[in-house]
Every structure is written in structure tokens, then in C-alpha cells.
Amino acid sequence: MITIGTVYLLHFERPYKHARHYIGWTPGDLNRRLRQHRNGTGARLMKVITAAGIDFIVARTWTGGRNLERSLKKRGGASRCCPLCGITPRVTGWDQPDTDHTTTADTSTPYAIKIVPAICACNRVTHHAAALLATASITCLDCHQPVVPQRDVQEEHHVLSH
């Protein structure tokens, strides 16, 4: 039986040795899985970067199962599908944008990701993909309150460096 879930690409705020990304899969709640990664449980690489104090951000998600995760990992070079690395991922059968094939719409950047500041009840400012904030429930690890887009940014903390 094939279980469909979410395949996700995590972009590290700074490299850990040669690693800048992690590709994972969860059959259930992505937020729950991300909390596990932030707590240092689960995948070995995520344990190591957590211990090293390296933060991460969800750069991209796909709907799929373990087979998709394995396929992406076997390809290698996760930065080739990471929009945060300045790469425009090519359109594949898994994530084609909804376009009418008769139009001449500009498809040069079908995966442009807008990163926006977000804030929680403890006033911790983080940065997330706008589409992810609109579709997922993200909770602060410190105050356990919802993270929402910030309207006016006077002072930014935890800026993701490239």
C-alpha cells in the first residue's frame, strides 16, 4: 500500500560541513515533524545541526510518498531544487503549475517563493515562505502560539543568511 504524505526540503541557515539541505517525508502533520527535527529527534543530520545550533526553513514541499522522497535523495544536489538558493526548479510531473497549455504565460519562474517576516506572541520574528504561512499552521517553539505574518517590520531577528 502506498501512503501519500508530504515530502519537504529544508534549507539550513548556514552549512554544516558540506550539508545545506535535508529532504524528508512525513505521512502526517508536517508541523509535528518539523517540531521533532527542531527538538533533535528523528534523522541523524537533523540531530547534528540542532546540536550545532543551526536553524532551518522549509523551502519547498511536494505531495507524495516515500518513493518520491527516495527519488529526490538519489538525484543528489538538493540545492538544484531549492528556491532559496536562487535556483528556479524545473517543472516536473510531480509539481507542474496549473496553467492552460494554450496560453503563453511566463513560466520562467513558476516557483518564485516570497519570504515574509512572521511573528508570534513572544515577539520572536522569523522568516517563512508566504505560501506556507497561508496554508499551514506554524507554532512558535518558545511560546507555543501561532506564527502569523508580520505587517510592519521595525527590527528583524533571526534573519536567514545565505
Protein backbone atom coordinates (compact mmCIF):
# COMPACT_ATOMS: atom_id res chain seq x y z
CA MET A 1 0.00 0.00 0.00
CA ILE A 2 1.33 3.43 -0.97
CA THR A 3 0.97 6.13 1.65
CA ILE A 4 0.77 9.68 0.36
CA GLY A 5 2.12 12.41 2.57
CA THR A 6 4.37 15.44 2.31
CA VAL A 7 7.93 15.44 1.00
CA TYR A 8 9.78 18.53 2.20
CA LEU A 9 13.05 20.31 1.53
CA LEU A 10 14.70 22.05 4.48
CA HIS A 11 17.23 24.82 3.82
CA PHE A 12 19.81 25.32 6.61
CA GLU A 13 20.59 28.89 7.71
CA ARG A 14 24.29 28.03 7.31
CA PRO A 15 26.06 24.91 6.06
CA TYR A 16 27.01 22.07 8.34
CA LYS A 17 30.25 20.83 6.78
CA HIS A 18 29.05 20.10 3.23
CA ALA A 19 25.31 19.86 4.03
CA ARG A 20 22.98 22.78 3.29
CA HIS A 21 19.69 20.90 2.89
CA TYR A 22 17.65 17.98 4.12
CA ILE A 23 14.92 16.17 2.20
CA GLY A 24 12.38 14.31 4.29
CA TRP A 25 8.91 12.78 4.20
CA THR A 26 6.05 12.61 6.64
CA PRO A 27 2.77 10.75 6.24
CA GLY A 28 1.02 13.12 8.64
CA ASP A 29 1.31 16.61 10.04
CA LEU A 30 4.33 18.50 8.67
CA ASN A 31 4.40 20.83 11.68
CA ARG A 32 4.68 17.86 14.04
CA ARG A 33 7.61 16.50 12.02
CA LEU A 34 9.33 19.90 11.98
CA ARG A 35 8.97 20.09 15.79
CA GLN A 36 10.66 16.69 16.01
CA HIS A 37 13.53 17.98 13.86
CA ARG A 38 13.86 21.14 15.96
CA ASN A 39 13.94 19.01 19.12
CA GLY A 40 16.79 16.96 17.64
CA THR A 41 14.83 13.74 17.24
CA GLY A 42 14.48 11.77 14.04
CA ALA A 43 17.03 11.95 11.24
CA ARG A 44 20.70 11.92 12.24
CA LEU A 45 21.60 15.00 10.17
CA MET A 46 18.83 16.99 11.85
CA LYS A 47 20.09 15.91 15.28
CA VAL A 48 23.57 17.12 14.38
CA ILE A 49 22.52 20.52 13.02
CA THR A 50 20.27 21.08 16.03
CA ALA A 51 23.19 20.33 18.35
CA ALA A 52 25.32 22.76 16.30
CA GLY A 53 22.70 25.50 16.75
CA ILE A 54 21.83 25.69 13.05
CA ASP A 55 18.28 26.77 12.22
CA PHE A 56 16.37 25.80 9.08
CA ILE A 57 13.40 26.85 7.00
CA VAL A 58 11.01 24.85 4.83
CA ALA A 59 11.99 25.83 1.30
CA ARG A 60 9.67 23.61 -0.71
CA THR A 61 7.10 20.85 -0.34
CA TRP A 62 5.66 18.18 -2.62
CA THR A 63 2.67 15.89 -2.20
CA GLY A 64 3.92 12.34 -2.49
CA GLY A 65 5.16 9.23 -0.77
CA ARG A 66 8.41 7.55 0.19
CA ASN A 67 9.14 6.79 -3.46
CA LEU A 68 9.25 10.50 -4.28
CA GLU A 69 11.48 11.20 -1.28
CA ARG A 70 13.88 8.41 -2.32
CA SER A 71 13.91 9.64 -5.91
CA LEU A 72 14.79 13.21 -4.85
CA LYS A 73 17.50 12.00 -2.48
CA LYS A 74 19.04 9.67 -5.08
CA ARG A 75 19.30 12.55 -7.55
CA GLY A 76 21.57 14.36 -5.11
CA GLY A 77 22.22 18.07 -5.15
CA ALA A 78 19.17 19.28 -3.21
CA SER A 79 20.24 22.86 -3.94
CA ARG A 80 19.16 22.25 -7.54
CA CYS A 81 15.53 22.24 -6.38
CA CYS A 82 15.85 24.87 -3.62
CA PRO A 83 14.29 28.23 -4.49
CA LEU A 84 16.08 29.83 -1.53
CA CYS A 85 19.43 29.08 -3.18
CA GLY A 86 18.42 31.23 -6.14
CA ILE A 87 17.56 28.25 -8.29
CA THR A 88 14.36 28.10 -10.31
CA PRO A 89 13.35 24.45 -10.10
CA ARG A 90 12.34 22.87 -13.36
CA VAL A 91 8.78 21.75 -13.76
CA THR A 92 8.36 18.02 -13.19
CA GLY A 93 5.43 15.67 -13.33
CA TRP A 94 5.04 15.97 -9.55
CA ASP A 95 4.54 19.68 -9.23
CA GLN A 96 3.51 21.28 -12.50
CA PRO A 97 1.85 24.67 -12.09
CA ASP A 98 -1.80 24.91 -13.10
CA THR A 99 -1.56 26.65 -16.46
CA ASP A 100 -3.65 26.47 -19.58
CA HIS A 101 -1.47 24.83 -22.24
CA THR A 102 -2.85 27.19 -24.91
CA THR A 103 -1.59 30.33 -23.19
CA THR A 104 1.83 31.86 -23.49
CA ALA A 105 2.13 32.62 -19.78
CA ASP A 106 5.59 33.38 -18.47
CA THR A 107 6.83 30.16 -16.88
CA SER A 108 10.40 31.29 -16.32
CA THR A 109 9.88 31.41 -12.54
CA PRO A 110 6.99 29.07 -11.73
CA TYR A 111 8.28 28.55 -8.18
CA ALA A 112 9.15 32.04 -7.08
CA ILE A 113 8.89 31.94 -3.30
CA LYS A 114 8.21 35.09 -1.35
CA ILE A 115 9.81 35.02 2.09
CA VAL A 116 7.97 37.18 4.63
CA PRO A 117 8.64 38.05 8.25
CA ALA A 118 6.32 36.43 10.78
CA ILE A 119 5.80 36.97 14.48
CA CYS A 120 4.32 35.09 17.43
CA ALA A 121 3.06 36.02 20.90
CA CYS A 122 6.61 36.24 22.33
CA ASN A 123 7.54 38.74 19.57
CA ARG A 124 10.10 36.39 18.00
CA VAL A 125 10.49 37.36 14.35
CA THR A 126 11.17 34.53 11.93
CA HIS A 127 11.01 34.26 8.15
CA HIS A 128 8.80 31.83 6.26
CA ALA A 129 7.54 31.24 2.76
CA ALA A 130 4.33 33.30 2.36
CA ALA A 131 2.51 30.39 0.73
CA LEU A 132 3.43 28.12 3.65
CA LEU A 133 2.12 30.64 6.20
CA ALA A 134 -1.13 30.86 4.23
CA THR A 135 -1.68 27.10 4.07
CA ALA A 136 -0.07 25.63 7.20
CA SER A 137 -0.42 26.18 10.91
CA ILE A 138 3.02 27.09 12.27
CA THR A 139 3.56 27.27 16.02
CA CYS A 140 6.38 29.03 17.87
CA LEU A 141 8.66 26.62 19.71
CA ASP A 142 9.12 29.06 22.59
CA CYS A 143 5.61 30.34 23.39
CA HIS A 144 3.60 27.63 21.55
CA GLN A 145 1.38 30.29 19.94
CA PRO A 146 0.56 30.62 16.23
CA VAL A 147 3.09 32.33 13.98
CA VAL A 148 1.43 34.95 11.76
CA PRO A 149 2.72 37.26 9.01
CA GLN A 150 4.10 40.50 10.41
CA ARG A 151 2.70 43.67 8.91
CA ASP A 152 5.32 46.26 9.86
CA VAL A 153 8.93 45.24 10.43
CA GLN A 154 10.94 47.66 12.55
CA GLU A 155 13.57 45.24 13.79
CA GLU A 156 14.31 41.86 12.28
CA HIS A 157 15.77 38.97 14.25
CA HIS A 158 16.83 35.51 13.11
CA VAL A 159 17.49 36.63 9.55
CA LEU A 160 18.29 33.68 7.30
CA SER A 161 21.75 34.16 5.81
CA HIS A 162 22.87 32.64 2.55
